[in-house]
C-alpha cells in the first residue's frame, strides 16, 4: 500500500503526470498577489510622486513664470493670470466670453460649463438676449459666436480677433479715443496659431486691457 503524499497522480494520454494539491496551488497563486501589490506600490510612487515632482522641478527651472501660473503683475501686485478669464463689465474695457463657472461666472475654483443642450430653452433665451443687446451697439454687424457662448471651462482667457474688433467702437467711444488706435492695438495683441498651424488666432483679454490703459496715458 502506497503512502499518501501532497502530490496527486493523474494519468493522461501523454502519460502519468503529477497534479498539484490545493495547498500547492495556493502557494503558486500567492506570488501573483504579492507581485501585483508590489507593482501597484512602485507605480504609485514613481508615477504619482516622483514623476510629478521631477516634471514640476524641471518646469520651474526652464519656465519659472509659466510654472508659477503665468501671473500678471501691476505695480508689484498680482492682478490676474494670462491663463484665466476674469470679469470686465465697464464699457472702457474689452469683455471676455460669457462664463458659467460658479454662481456668478469666472470663478477659478469652480471651472465648468453650463451643460445646457442646444435645445434647452434657457440657453436659447440667454443667447438671443445677448445677441439683441450686442446688435443694438453695432447694427447690421454679425455677432461673433464667442461673444454669446461660454467655453467648456468658463475661464477661457482669450477671445477671437473678430470679437475684439466688434467691441472696438464701444471701447473707443467710452475712452474718447480714435477707433483706429484701438484697431491697431488689437492687431498688436493678436497671437497667431501655435507653430503656424495649431489652434486659431486669439487675443488675451487681460493683456489687451492692460495695453489699453497704456495708450490712454
N, C-alpha and C. Protein backbone atom coordinates (compact mmCIF):
# COMPACT_ATOMS: atom_id res chain seq x y z
N UNK A 1 0.85 -1.19 0.00
CA UNK A 1 0.00 0.00 0.00
C UNK A 1 0.88 1.23 0.00
N UNK A 2 0.60 2.10 -0.93
CA UNK A 2 1.44 3.28 -1.08
C UNK A 2 1.04 4.34 -0.07
N UNK A 3 2.02 5.12 0.43
CA UNK A 3 1.74 6.21 1.37
C UNK A 3 1.21 7.41 0.60
N UNK A 4 0.35 8.19 1.28
CA UNK A 4 -0.23 9.38 0.66
C UNK A 4 0.78 10.51 0.70
N UNK A 5 0.83 11.34 -0.37
CA UNK A 5 1.72 12.50 -0.44
C UNK A 5 0.89 13.71 -0.79
N UNK A 6 1.52 14.89 -0.76
CA UNK A 6 0.83 16.12 -1.09
C UNK A 6 0.58 16.25 -2.58
N UNK A 7 1.17 15.38 -3.36
CA UNK A 7 1.03 15.47 -4.81
C UNK A 7 0.23 14.28 -5.32
N UNK A 8 -0.84 14.57 -6.04
CA UNK A 8 -1.66 13.51 -6.62
C UNK A 8 -1.08 13.12 -7.97
N UNK A 9 -1.51 11.98 -8.45
CA UNK A 9 -1.03 11.48 -9.74
C UNK A 9 -2.20 11.42 -10.69
N UNK A 10 -2.00 11.94 -11.90
CA UNK A 10 -3.06 11.90 -12.91
C UNK A 10 -2.53 11.19 -14.14
N UNK A 11 -3.38 10.35 -14.69
CA UNK A 11 -2.99 9.61 -15.90
C UNK A 11 -3.63 10.27 -17.11
N UNK A 12 -2.84 10.63 -18.08
CA UNK A 12 -3.33 11.26 -19.30
C UNK A 12 -2.86 10.47 -20.50
N UNK A 13 -3.26 10.91 -21.67
CA UNK A 13 -2.82 10.25 -22.90
C UNK A 13 -1.32 10.34 -23.06
N UNK A 14 -0.75 11.44 -22.54
CA UNK A 14 0.69 11.62 -22.66
C UNK A 14 1.46 10.84 -21.61
N UNK A 15 0.73 10.30 -20.66
CA UNK A 15 1.40 9.54 -19.61
C UNK A 15 0.99 10.02 -18.24
N UNK A 16 1.67 9.53 -17.28
CA UNK A 16 1.36 9.89 -15.90
C UNK A 16 2.08 11.18 -15.55
N UNK A 17 1.33 12.16 -14.96
CA UNK A 17 1.94 13.42 -14.55
C UNK A 17 1.43 13.79 -13.17
N UNK A 18 2.22 14.52 -12.40
CA UNK A 18 1.78 14.93 -11.07
C UNK A 18 0.76 16.06 -11.16
N UNK A 19 -0.16 16.10 -10.24
CA UNK A 19 -1.17 17.15 -10.14
C UNK A 19 -0.98 17.85 -8.80
N UNK A 20 -0.92 19.21 -8.83
CA UNK A 20 -0.71 19.96 -7.60
C UNK A 20 -1.90 19.81 -6.67
N UNK A 21 -1.62 19.70 -5.39
CA UNK A 21 -2.67 19.68 -4.39
C UNK A 21 -3.18 21.10 -4.18
N UNK A 22 -4.25 21.25 -3.38
CA UNK A 22 -4.84 22.57 -3.10
C UNK A 22 -3.82 23.47 -2.44
N UNK A 23 -3.06 22.95 -1.49
CA UNK A 23 -2.07 23.77 -0.79
C UNK A 23 -0.98 24.25 -1.73
N UNK A 24 -0.60 23.41 -2.67
CA UNK A 24 0.42 23.80 -3.63
C UNK A 24 -0.11 24.84 -4.62
N UNK A 25 -1.38 24.70 -4.99
CA UNK A 25 -1.98 25.68 -5.89
C UNK A 25 -2.06 27.05 -5.24
N UNK A 26 -2.42 27.08 -3.95
CA UNK A 26 -2.48 28.34 -3.21
C UNK A 26 -1.10 28.98 -3.13
N UNK A 27 -0.09 28.13 -2.95
CA UNK A 27 1.27 28.64 -2.88
C UNK A 27 1.69 29.23 -4.21
N UNK A 28 1.19 28.68 -5.31
CA UNK A 28 1.53 29.19 -6.64
C UNK A 28 0.83 30.51 -6.92
N UNK A 29 -0.40 30.65 -6.40
CA UNK A 29 -1.17 31.87 -6.62
C UNK A 29 -0.64 33.01 -5.78
N UNK A 30 -0.16 32.72 -4.59
CA UNK A 30 0.31 33.75 -3.66
C UNK A 30 1.35 34.70 -4.26
N UNK A 31 2.36 34.19 -4.98
CA UNK A 31 3.33 35.12 -5.59
C UNK A 31 2.69 36.09 -6.56
N UNK A 32 1.59 35.72 -7.22
CA UNK A 32 0.92 36.60 -8.16
C UNK A 32 0.34 37.81 -7.42
N UNK A 33 -0.33 37.56 -6.29
CA UNK A 33 -0.87 38.65 -5.49
C UNK A 33 0.24 39.54 -4.95
N UNK A 34 1.29 38.92 -4.50
CA UNK A 34 2.42 39.67 -3.95
C UNK A 34 3.04 40.57 -5.02
N UNK A 35 3.20 40.03 -6.22
CA UNK A 35 3.76 40.79 -7.33
C UNK A 35 2.84 41.96 -7.71
N UNK A 36 1.53 41.70 -7.73
CA UNK A 36 0.57 42.74 -8.09
C UNK A 36 0.60 43.90 -7.10
N UNK A 37 0.65 43.58 -5.83
CA UNK A 37 0.67 44.61 -4.79
C UNK A 37 1.95 45.43 -4.88
N UNK A 38 3.08 44.73 -5.04
CA UNK A 38 4.36 45.44 -5.15
C UNK A 38 4.40 46.32 -6.39
N UNK A 39 3.87 45.82 -7.51
CA UNK A 39 3.84 46.60 -8.74
C UNK A 39 2.99 47.86 -8.58
N UNK A 40 1.84 47.71 -7.90
CA UNK A 40 0.97 48.86 -7.66
C UNK A 40 1.67 49.92 -6.82
N UNK A 41 2.34 49.48 -5.76
CA UNK A 41 3.04 50.42 -4.88
C UNK A 41 4.16 51.14 -5.62
N UNK A 42 4.93 50.40 -6.40
CA UNK A 42 6.03 51.00 -7.15
C UNK A 42 5.49 51.99 -8.18
N UNK A 43 4.39 51.62 -8.86
CA UNK A 43 3.78 52.51 -9.85
C UNK A 43 3.28 53.79 -9.22
N UNK A 44 2.63 53.67 -8.06
CA UNK A 44 2.12 54.86 -7.36
C UNK A 44 3.26 55.80 -6.99
N UNK A 45 4.34 55.24 -6.47
CA UNK A 45 5.47 56.07 -6.06
C UNK A 45 6.13 56.75 -7.26
N UNK A 46 6.35 55.97 -8.33
CA UNK A 46 7.04 56.52 -9.49
C UNK A 46 6.18 57.53 -10.26
N UNK A 47 4.93 57.14 -10.56
CA UNK A 47 4.08 57.98 -11.41
C UNK A 47 3.25 58.99 -10.61
N UNK A 48 3.02 58.71 -9.33
CA UNK A 48 2.22 59.61 -8.53
C UNK A 48 3.02 60.60 -7.71
N UNK A 49 4.29 60.32 -7.48
CA UNK A 49 5.11 61.20 -6.65
C UNK A 49 6.38 61.65 -7.38
N UNK A 50 7.21 60.69 -7.77
CA UNK A 50 8.50 61.01 -8.37
C UNK A 50 8.34 61.76 -9.68
N UNK A 51 7.51 61.23 -10.59
CA UNK A 51 7.36 61.87 -11.91
C UNK A 51 6.78 63.28 -11.81
N UNK A 52 5.66 63.51 -11.07
CA UNK A 52 5.16 64.89 -10.97
C UNK A 52 6.16 65.86 -10.36
N UNK A 53 6.90 65.41 -9.33
CA UNK A 53 7.89 66.29 -8.72
C UNK A 53 9.01 66.62 -9.69
N UNK A 54 9.42 65.61 -10.47
CA UNK A 54 10.50 65.83 -11.44
C UNK A 54 10.07 66.81 -12.53
N UNK A 55 8.86 66.60 -13.05
CA UNK A 55 8.36 67.48 -14.10
C UNK A 55 8.18 68.91 -13.58
N UNK A 56 7.64 69.03 -12.37
CA UNK A 56 7.45 70.35 -11.78
C UNK A 56 8.79 71.04 -11.56
N UNK A 57 9.78 70.28 -11.08
CA UNK A 57 11.10 70.85 -10.85
C UNK A 57 11.75 71.33 -12.14
N UNK A 58 11.66 70.52 -13.19
CA UNK A 58 12.24 70.89 -14.48
C UNK A 58 11.54 72.12 -15.05
N UNK A 59 10.19 72.12 -14.95
CA UNK A 59 9.42 73.26 -15.46
C UNK A 59 9.76 74.54 -14.70
N UNK A 60 9.95 74.42 -13.39
CA UNK A 60 10.29 75.59 -12.57
C UNK A 60 11.63 76.18 -12.99
N UNK A 61 12.56 75.32 -13.38
CA UNK A 61 13.89 75.78 -13.79
C UNK A 61 13.85 76.38 -15.20
N UNK A 62 13.20 75.68 -16.12
CA UNK A 62 13.19 76.12 -17.52
C UNK A 62 12.16 77.21 -17.80
N UNK A 63 10.98 77.09 -17.18
CA UNK A 63 9.89 78.05 -17.43
C UNK A 63 9.32 78.53 -16.10
N UNK A 64 10.07 79.28 -15.34
CA UNK A 64 9.63 79.67 -13.98
C UNK A 64 8.31 80.43 -13.96
N UNK A 65 8.11 81.35 -14.91
CA UNK A 65 6.87 82.15 -14.90
C UNK A 65 5.65 81.30 -15.21
N UNK A 66 5.77 80.44 -16.22
CA UNK A 66 4.64 79.59 -16.58
C UNK A 66 4.35 78.56 -15.49
N UNK A 67 5.41 78.03 -14.89
CA UNK A 67 5.22 77.06 -13.83
C UNK A 67 4.53 77.68 -12.62
N UNK A 68 4.68 78.99 -12.45
CA UNK A 68 4.06 79.69 -11.32
C UNK A 68 2.64 80.14 -11.63
N UNK A 69 2.14 79.82 -12.84
CA UNK A 69 0.76 80.15 -13.17
C UNK A 69 0.59 81.31 -14.12
N UNK A 70 1.69 81.77 -14.75
CA UNK A 70 1.64 82.90 -15.69
C UNK A 70 0.92 84.10 -15.07
N UNK A 71 1.33 84.42 -13.84
CA UNK A 71 0.69 85.52 -13.12
C UNK A 71 1.06 86.86 -13.75
N UNK A 72 0.12 87.79 -13.72
CA UNK A 72 0.31 89.13 -14.28
C UNK A 72 0.41 90.12 -13.12
N UNK A 73 1.48 90.92 -13.11
CA UNK A 73 1.70 91.91 -12.06
C UNK A 73 1.46 93.32 -12.57
N UNK A 74 0.93 94.17 -11.70
CA UNK A 74 0.79 95.59 -11.99
C UNK A 74 1.13 96.35 -10.72
N UNK A 75 2.15 97.19 -10.83
CA UNK A 75 2.64 97.92 -9.66
C UNK A 75 3.01 96.99 -8.51
N UNK A 76 3.58 95.84 -8.89
CA UNK A 76 4.03 94.88 -7.88
C UNK A 76 2.94 94.01 -7.29
N UNK A 77 1.71 94.18 -7.75
CA UNK A 77 0.59 93.40 -7.23
C UNK A 77 0.08 92.43 -8.29
N UNK A 78 -0.28 91.22 -7.86
CA UNK A 78 -0.86 90.24 -8.79
C UNK A 78 -2.29 90.65 -9.10
N UNK A 79 -2.58 90.84 -10.39
CA UNK A 79 -3.92 91.26 -10.79
C UNK A 79 -4.64 90.19 -11.60
N UNK A 80 -3.98 89.08 -11.84
CA UNK A 80 -4.62 88.00 -12.59
C UNK A 80 -3.61 87.06 -13.20
N UNK A 81 -4.09 86.22 -14.07
CA UNK A 81 -3.25 85.26 -14.78
C UNK A 81 -3.59 85.30 -16.26
N UNK A 82 -2.58 85.09 -17.09
CA UNK A 82 -2.82 85.03 -18.53
C UNK A 82 -3.66 83.82 -18.91
N UNK A 83 -3.79 82.87 -17.99
CA UNK A 83 -4.46 81.61 -18.30
C UNK A 83 -5.92 81.56 -17.86
N UNK A 84 -6.35 82.58 -17.09
CA UNK A 84 -7.71 82.56 -16.53
C UNK A 84 -8.46 83.84 -16.87
N UNK A 85 -9.67 83.68 -17.34
CA UNK A 85 -10.51 84.84 -17.63
C UNK A 85 -11.01 85.45 -16.34
N UNK A 86 -11.24 86.74 -16.36
CA UNK A 86 -11.86 87.42 -15.24
C UNK A 86 -12.88 88.40 -15.78
N UNK A 87 -13.79 88.81 -14.92
CA UNK A 87 -14.90 89.65 -15.36
C UNK A 87 -14.47 91.09 -15.61
N UNK A 88 -14.84 91.61 -16.78
CA UNK A 88 -14.73 93.04 -17.10
C UNK A 88 -16.11 93.48 -17.58
N UNK A 89 -16.67 94.47 -16.93
CA UNK A 89 -18.02 94.91 -17.29
C UNK A 89 -18.07 96.36 -17.76
N UNK A 90 -17.03 97.15 -17.49
CA UNK A 90 -17.03 98.55 -17.88
C UNK A 90 -16.93 98.68 -19.40
N UNK A 91 -17.60 99.68 -19.95
CA UNK A 91 -17.51 99.94 -21.39
C UNK A 91 -16.10 100.36 -21.81
N UNK A 92 -15.28 100.74 -20.85
CA UNK A 92 -13.92 101.20 -21.14
C UNK A 92 -12.97 100.02 -21.40
N UNK A 93 -13.44 98.82 -21.14
CA UNK A 93 -12.59 97.65 -21.31
C UNK A 93 -13.24 96.62 -22.24
N UNK A 94 -12.38 95.77 -22.80
CA UNK A 94 -12.87 94.64 -23.59
C UNK A 94 -13.40 93.57 -22.64
N UNK A 95 -14.47 92.93 -23.05
CA UNK A 95 -15.10 91.92 -22.22
C UNK A 95 -14.71 90.52 -22.69
N UNK A 96 -14.56 89.57 -21.77
CA UNK A 96 -14.25 88.20 -22.16
C UNK A 96 -15.51 87.47 -22.61
N UNK A 97 -15.38 86.20 -22.90
CA UNK A 97 -16.54 85.38 -23.25
C UNK A 97 -17.44 85.25 -22.03
N UNK A 98 -18.73 84.98 -22.23
CA UNK A 98 -19.60 84.70 -21.09
C UNK A 98 -19.07 83.49 -20.32
N UNK A 99 -19.39 83.42 -19.04
CA UNK A 99 -18.87 82.33 -18.21
C UNK A 99 -19.97 81.71 -17.37
N UNK A 100 -19.90 80.37 -17.25
CA UNK A 100 -20.83 79.63 -16.39
C UNK A 100 -20.07 79.00 -15.23
N UNK A 101 -18.85 79.47 -14.99
CA UNK A 101 -18.03 78.92 -13.91
C UNK A 101 -18.43 79.54 -12.59
N UNK A 102 -19.07 78.77 -11.73
CA UNK A 102 -19.51 79.29 -10.45
C UNK A 102 -20.85 80.00 -10.56
N UNK A 103 -21.32 80.50 -9.44
CA UNK A 103 -22.63 81.15 -9.38
C UNK A 103 -22.69 82.40 -10.24
N UNK A 104 -21.66 83.22 -10.17
CA UNK A 104 -21.65 84.48 -10.90
C UNK A 104 -20.69 84.47 -12.09
N UNK A 105 -20.11 83.33 -12.39
CA UNK A 105 -19.18 83.23 -13.51
C UNK A 105 -17.76 83.61 -13.13
N UNK A 106 -16.82 83.16 -13.93
CA UNK A 106 -15.40 83.49 -13.79
C UNK A 106 -14.83 83.07 -12.42
N UNK A 107 -15.38 82.02 -11.83
CA UNK A 107 -14.89 81.52 -10.55
C UNK A 107 -13.82 80.47 -10.82
N UNK A 108 -12.56 80.81 -10.53
CA UNK A 108 -11.45 79.91 -10.83
C UNK A 108 -11.49 78.64 -10.01
N UNK A 109 -12.26 78.61 -8.93
CA UNK A 109 -12.37 77.41 -8.10
C UNK A 109 -13.53 76.52 -8.53
N UNK A 110 -14.28 76.96 -9.54
CA UNK A 110 -15.46 76.20 -9.97
C UNK A 110 -15.56 76.17 -11.48
N UNK A 111 -14.47 75.75 -12.12
CA UNK A 111 -14.41 75.72 -13.57
C UNK A 111 -15.45 74.76 -14.14
N UNK A 112 -16.12 75.19 -15.20
CA UNK A 112 -17.09 74.31 -15.84
C UNK A 112 -18.02 75.08 -16.75
N UNK A 113 -18.73 74.35 -17.59
CA UNK A 113 -19.70 74.95 -18.50
C UNK A 113 -21.10 74.85 -17.93
N UNK A 114 -22.07 75.34 -18.67
CA UNK A 114 -23.46 75.30 -18.21
C UNK A 114 -24.07 73.91 -18.37
N UNK A 115 -23.50 73.11 -19.28
CA UNK A 115 -24.01 71.77 -19.58
C UNK A 115 -25.45 71.79 -20.11
N UNK A 116 -25.85 72.91 -20.68
CA UNK A 116 -27.18 73.01 -21.27
C UNK A 116 -27.12 72.63 -22.75
N UNK A 117 -28.06 71.81 -23.18
CA UNK A 117 -28.10 71.39 -24.58
C UNK A 117 -28.54 72.54 -25.47
N UNK A 118 -28.25 72.44 -26.76
CA UNK A 118 -28.64 73.49 -27.70
C UNK A 118 -30.15 73.67 -27.76
N UNK A 119 -30.88 72.63 -27.41
CA UNK A 119 -32.34 72.71 -27.46
C UNK A 119 -32.94 73.25 -26.16
N UNK A 120 -32.09 73.51 -25.17
CA UNK A 120 -32.58 73.99 -23.89
C UNK A 120 -33.10 75.43 -24.02
N UNK A 121 -34.33 75.66 -23.63
CA UNK A 121 -34.95 76.97 -23.78
C UNK A 121 -34.23 78.06 -23.02
N UNK A 122 -33.71 77.72 -21.85
CA UNK A 122 -32.99 78.71 -21.03
C UNK A 122 -31.74 79.20 -21.75
N UNK A 123 -31.03 78.27 -22.40
CA UNK A 123 -29.82 78.63 -23.12
C UNK A 123 -30.16 79.47 -24.35
N UNK A 124 -31.16 79.05 -25.09
CA UNK A 124 -31.57 79.78 -26.30
C UNK A 124 -32.00 81.20 -25.95
N UNK A 125 -32.76 81.34 -24.87
CA UNK A 125 -33.24 82.66 -24.46
C UNK A 125 -32.08 83.56 -24.04
N UNK A 126 -31.12 83.00 -23.31
CA UNK A 126 -29.97 83.80 -22.86
C UNK A 126 -29.13 84.26 -24.04
N UNK A 127 -28.87 83.36 -25.00
CA UNK A 127 -28.07 83.71 -26.17
C UNK A 127 -28.77 84.77 -27.02
N UNK A 128 -30.08 84.59 -27.23
CA UNK A 128 -30.82 85.55 -28.05
C UNK A 128 -30.84 86.92 -27.39
N UNK A 129 -30.95 86.95 -26.06
CA UNK A 129 -30.93 88.22 -25.33
C UNK A 129 -29.60 88.93 -25.50
N UNK A 130 -28.51 88.16 -25.43
CA UNK A 130 -27.17 88.75 -25.61
C UNK A 130 -26.99 89.26 -27.02
N UNK A 131 -27.48 88.50 -28.00
CA UNK A 131 -27.35 88.92 -29.40
C UNK A 131 -28.10 90.23 -29.63
N UNK A 132 -29.30 90.35 -29.08
CA UNK A 132 -30.10 91.57 -29.25
C UNK A 132 -29.37 92.78 -28.67
N UNK A 133 -28.76 92.62 -27.49
CA UNK A 133 -28.05 93.73 -26.86
C UNK A 133 -26.83 94.14 -27.68
N UNK A 134 -26.11 93.15 -28.21
CA UNK A 134 -24.90 93.44 -28.97
C UNK A 134 -25.23 94.08 -30.32
N UNK A 135 -26.27 93.61 -30.95
CA UNK A 135 -26.65 94.17 -32.25
C UNK A 135 -27.15 95.60 -32.11
N UNK A 136 -27.65 95.95 -30.94
CA UNK A 136 -28.09 97.33 -30.71
C UNK A 136 -26.89 98.28 -30.69
N UNK A 137 -25.71 97.75 -30.31
CA UNK A 137 -24.50 98.56 -30.29
C UNK A 137 -23.88 98.70 -31.67
N UNK A 138 -23.97 97.62 -32.45
CA UNK A 138 -23.39 97.61 -33.81
C UNK A 138 -24.44 97.10 -34.79
N UNK A 139 -25.42 97.91 -35.10
CA UNK A 139 -26.49 97.47 -36.02
C UNK A 139 -25.95 96.99 -37.36
N UNK A 140 -26.46 95.86 -37.81
CA UNK A 140 -26.09 95.35 -39.11
C UNK A 140 -24.85 94.48 -39.14
N UNK A 141 -24.11 94.45 -38.02
CA UNK A 141 -22.90 93.64 -37.98
C UNK A 141 -23.19 92.28 -37.33
N UNK A 142 -22.74 91.19 -37.96
CA UNK A 142 -22.97 89.87 -37.36
C UNK A 142 -22.20 89.72 -36.05
N UNK A 143 -22.82 89.11 -35.06
CA UNK A 143 -22.20 88.93 -33.75
C UNK A 143 -21.31 87.69 -33.75
N UNK A 144 -20.03 87.83 -33.43
CA UNK A 144 -19.15 86.66 -33.35
C UNK A 144 -19.68 85.64 -32.35
N UNK A 145 -19.57 84.38 -32.68
CA UNK A 145 -20.17 83.32 -31.86
C UNK A 145 -19.60 83.28 -30.45
N UNK A 146 -18.32 83.63 -30.29
CA UNK A 146 -17.73 83.53 -28.95
C UNK A 146 -18.14 84.69 -28.04
N UNK A 147 -18.90 85.64 -28.56
CA UNK A 147 -19.40 86.72 -27.72
C UNK A 147 -20.65 86.31 -26.94
N UNK A 148 -21.29 85.22 -27.38
CA UNK A 148 -22.55 84.81 -26.75
C UNK A 148 -22.52 83.37 -26.23
N UNK A 149 -21.40 82.68 -26.42
CA UNK A 149 -21.31 81.30 -25.94
C UNK A 149 -20.17 81.18 -24.93
N UNK A 150 -20.36 80.32 -23.95
CA UNK A 150 -19.33 80.08 -22.94
C UNK A 150 -18.37 79.00 -23.41
N UNK A 151 -17.19 79.00 -22.85
CA UNK A 151 -16.24 77.93 -23.13
C UNK A 151 -16.54 76.75 -22.20
N UNK A 152 -15.90 75.62 -22.45
CA UNK A 152 -16.13 74.44 -21.61
C UNK A 152 -15.69 74.68 -20.17
N UNK A 153 -14.65 75.47 -19.99
CA UNK A 153 -14.15 75.74 -18.65
C UNK A 153 -14.81 76.95 -18.02
N UNK A 154 -15.33 77.86 -18.86
CA UNK A 154 -15.86 79.11 -18.35
C UNK A 154 -14.78 80.10 -17.99
N UNK A 155 -13.53 79.73 -18.25
CA UNK A 155 -12.39 80.57 -17.86
C UNK A 155 -11.44 80.82 -19.02
N UNK A 156 -11.95 80.74 -20.24
CA UNK A 156 -11.12 80.97 -21.42
C UNK A 156 -10.61 82.42 -21.40
N UNK A 157 -9.29 82.62 -21.34
CA UNK A 157 -8.76 83.99 -21.24
C UNK A 157 -8.74 84.73 -22.57
N UNK A 158 -9.00 84.02 -23.65
CA UNK A 158 -8.86 84.61 -24.98
C UNK A 158 -10.21 84.80 -25.67
N UNK A 159 -10.23 85.73 -26.60
CA UNK A 159 -11.36 85.91 -27.49
C UNK A 159 -10.82 85.94 -28.92
N UNK A 160 -11.70 85.80 -29.88
CA UNK A 160 -11.27 85.86 -31.28
C UNK A 160 -11.00 87.31 -31.66
N UNK A 161 -10.15 87.54 -32.65
CA UNK A 161 -9.94 88.92 -33.13
C UNK A 161 -11.25 89.56 -33.57
N UNK A 162 -12.15 88.78 -34.17
CA UNK A 162 -13.44 89.31 -34.60
C UNK A 162 -14.24 89.85 -33.40
N UNK A 163 -14.16 89.13 -32.31
CA UNK A 163 -14.83 89.56 -31.08
C UNK A 163 -14.26 90.90 -30.61
N UNK A 164 -12.94 90.99 -30.60
CA UNK A 164 -12.28 92.22 -30.14
C UNK A 164 -12.64 93.41 -31.05
N UNK A 165 -12.60 93.20 -32.36
CA UNK A 165 -12.92 94.29 -33.29
C UNK A 165 -14.38 94.72 -33.15
N UNK A 166 -15.25 93.77 -32.82
CA UNK A 166 -16.67 94.09 -32.64
C UNK A 166 -16.84 95.03 -31.45
N UNK A 167 -16.01 94.87 -30.42
CA UNK A 167 -16.10 95.70 -29.22
C UNK A 167 -15.35 97.04 -29.36
N UNK A 168 -14.56 97.18 -30.41
CA UNK A 168 -13.67 98.33 -30.55
C UNK A 168 -14.41 99.67 -30.51
N UNK A 169 -15.53 99.76 -31.19
CA UNK A 169 -16.25 101.03 -31.25
C UNK A 169 -16.75 101.44 -29.87
N UNK A 170 -17.23 100.48 -29.09
CA UNK A 170 -17.70 100.78 -27.74
C UNK A 170 -16.57 101.29 -26.86
N UNK A 171 -15.41 100.60 -26.91
CA UNK A 171 -14.26 100.99 -26.10
C UNK A 171 -13.75 102.35 -26.51
N UNK A 172 -13.65 102.59 -27.81
CA UNK A 172 -13.15 103.88 -28.32
C UNK A 172 -14.06 105.02 -27.88
N UNK A 173 -15.36 104.80 -27.93
CA UNK A 173 -16.32 105.83 -27.54
C UNK A 173 -16.23 106.12 -26.05
N UNK A 174 -16.11 105.07 -25.24
CA UNK A 174 -16.06 105.24 -23.79
C UNK A 174 -14.79 105.94 -23.35
N UNK A 175 -13.70 105.77 -24.10
CA UNK A 175 -12.43 106.38 -23.74
C UNK A 175 -12.13 107.65 -24.53
N UNK A 176 -13.03 107.96 -25.45
CA UNK A 176 -12.82 109.13 -26.31
C UNK A 176 -11.48 109.03 -27.04
N UNK A 177 -11.24 107.87 -27.61
CA UNK A 177 -10.01 107.59 -28.35
C UNK A 177 -10.38 107.23 -29.78
N UNK A 178 -9.55 107.60 -30.72
CA UNK A 178 -9.79 107.27 -32.12
C UNK A 178 -9.88 105.75 -32.28
N UNK A 179 -10.91 105.29 -32.97
CA UNK A 179 -11.12 103.85 -33.12
C UNK A 179 -9.99 103.19 -33.87
N UNK A 180 -9.31 103.95 -34.74
CA UNK A 180 -8.17 103.39 -35.47
C UNK A 180 -7.06 102.95 -34.52
N UNK A 181 -6.87 103.69 -33.43
CA UNK A 181 -5.85 103.31 -32.45
C UNK A 181 -6.24 102.01 -31.75
N UNK A 182 -7.52 101.85 -31.50
CA UNK A 182 -7.99 100.62 -30.86
C UNK A 182 -7.79 99.42 -31.79
N UNK A 183 -8.06 99.62 -33.07
CA UNK A 183 -7.86 98.54 -34.04
C UNK A 183 -6.38 98.16 -34.13
N UNK A 184 -5.52 99.17 -34.11
CA UNK A 184 -4.08 98.91 -34.17
C UNK A 184 -3.62 98.14 -32.94
N UNK A 185 -4.19 98.47 -31.79
CA UNK A 185 -3.83 97.78 -30.55
C UNK A 185 -4.27 96.32 -30.59
N UNK A 186 -5.45 96.10 -31.12
CA UNK A 186 -5.95 94.72 -31.24
C UNK A 186 -5.03 93.90 -32.13
N UNK A 187 -4.64 94.48 -33.27
CA UNK A 187 -3.74 93.77 -34.18
C UNK A 187 -2.41 93.46 -33.50
N UNK A 188 -1.94 94.39 -32.69
CA UNK A 188 -0.68 94.20 -31.98
C UNK A 188 -0.77 93.08 -30.94
N UNK A 189 -1.94 92.96 -30.32
CA UNK A 189 -2.13 91.97 -29.26
C UNK A 189 -2.64 90.62 -29.77
N UNK A 190 -2.86 90.51 -31.05
CA UNK A 190 -3.36 89.25 -31.61
C UNK A 190 -2.24 88.23 -31.77
N UNK A 191 -2.44 87.05 -31.18
CA UNK A 191 -1.47 85.96 -31.30
C UNK A 191 -1.93 85.01 -32.40
N UNK A 192 -1.00 84.58 -33.25
CA UNK A 192 -1.36 83.67 -34.34
C UNK A 192 -1.45 82.23 -33.87
N UNK A 193 -1.63 81.34 -34.79
CA UNK A 193 -1.71 79.92 -34.47
C UNK A 193 -0.38 79.43 -33.91
N UNK A 194 -0.45 78.53 -32.96
CA UNK A 194 0.77 77.94 -32.40
C UNK A 194 1.49 77.15 -33.48
N UNK A 195 2.78 77.42 -33.61
CA UNK A 195 3.62 76.76 -34.62
C UNK A 195 3.10 76.98 -36.04
N UNK A 196 2.22 77.95 -36.19
CA UNK A 196 1.72 78.28 -37.51
C UNK A 196 0.56 77.46 -38.00
N UNK A 197 0.15 76.41 -37.26
CA UNK A 197 -0.95 75.57 -37.76
C UNK A 197 -1.86 75.02 -36.66
N UNK A 198 -1.50 75.19 -35.40
CA UNK A 198 -2.32 74.66 -34.32
C UNK A 198 -3.23 75.74 -33.74
N UNK A 199 -4.51 75.41 -33.57
CA UNK A 199 -5.44 76.36 -32.98
C UNK A 199 -5.82 77.48 -33.92
N UNK A 200 -6.32 78.57 -33.34
CA UNK A 200 -6.76 79.72 -34.12
C UNK A 200 -6.14 81.00 -33.55
N UNK A 201 -6.20 82.07 -34.31
CA UNK A 201 -5.72 83.36 -33.83
C UNK A 201 -6.56 83.78 -32.63
N UNK A 202 -5.95 84.48 -31.68
CA UNK A 202 -6.66 84.80 -30.45
C UNK A 202 -6.09 86.08 -29.84
N UNK A 203 -6.87 86.67 -28.94
CA UNK A 203 -6.46 87.88 -28.23
C UNK A 203 -6.69 87.64 -26.74
N UNK A 204 -5.65 87.82 -25.93
CA UNK A 204 -5.79 87.67 -24.49
C UNK A 204 -6.44 88.93 -23.93
N UNK A 205 -7.60 88.79 -23.30
CA UNK A 205 -8.39 89.94 -22.85
C UNK A 205 -7.66 90.75 -21.79
N UNK A 206 -7.07 90.08 -20.81
CA UNK A 206 -6.39 90.80 -19.74
C UNK A 206 -5.21 91.60 -20.27
N UNK A 207 -4.40 90.99 -21.12
CA UNK A 207 -3.24 91.69 -21.66
C UNK A 207 -3.67 92.83 -22.59
N UNK A 208 -4.77 92.64 -23.33
CA UNK A 208 -5.29 93.70 -24.20
C UNK A 208 -5.75 94.89 -23.37
N UNK A 209 -6.43 94.62 -22.27
CA UNK A 209 -6.92 95.71 -21.43
C UNK A 209 -5.78 96.45 -20.73
N UNK A 210 -4.72 95.73 -20.36
CA UNK A 210 -3.56 96.39 -19.76
C UNK A 210 -2.89 97.30 -20.79
N UNK A 211 -2.77 96.81 -22.03
CA UNK A 211 -2.20 97.64 -23.10
C UNK A 211 -3.11 98.82 -23.40
N UNK A 212 -4.39 98.62 -23.26
CA UNK A 212 -5.36 99.69 -23.50
C UNK A 212 -5.16 100.84 -22.50
N UNK A 213 -4.90 100.49 -21.27
CA UNK A 213 -4.65 101.52 -20.25
C UNK A 213 -3.38 102.33 -20.55
N UNK A 214 -2.43 101.69 -21.21
CA UNK A 214 -1.17 102.37 -21.51
C UNK A 214 -1.35 103.44 -22.59
N UNK A 215 -2.17 103.17 -23.60
CA UNK A 215 -2.33 104.16 -24.67
C UNK A 215 -3.18 105.34 -24.21
N UNK A 216 -3.91 105.15 -23.13
CA UNK A 216 -4.77 106.22 -22.63
C UNK A 216 -3.99 107.22 -21.79
N UNK A 217 -2.74 106.87 -21.44
CA UNK A 217 -1.94 107.76 -20.59
C UNK A 217 -1.29 108.85 -21.42
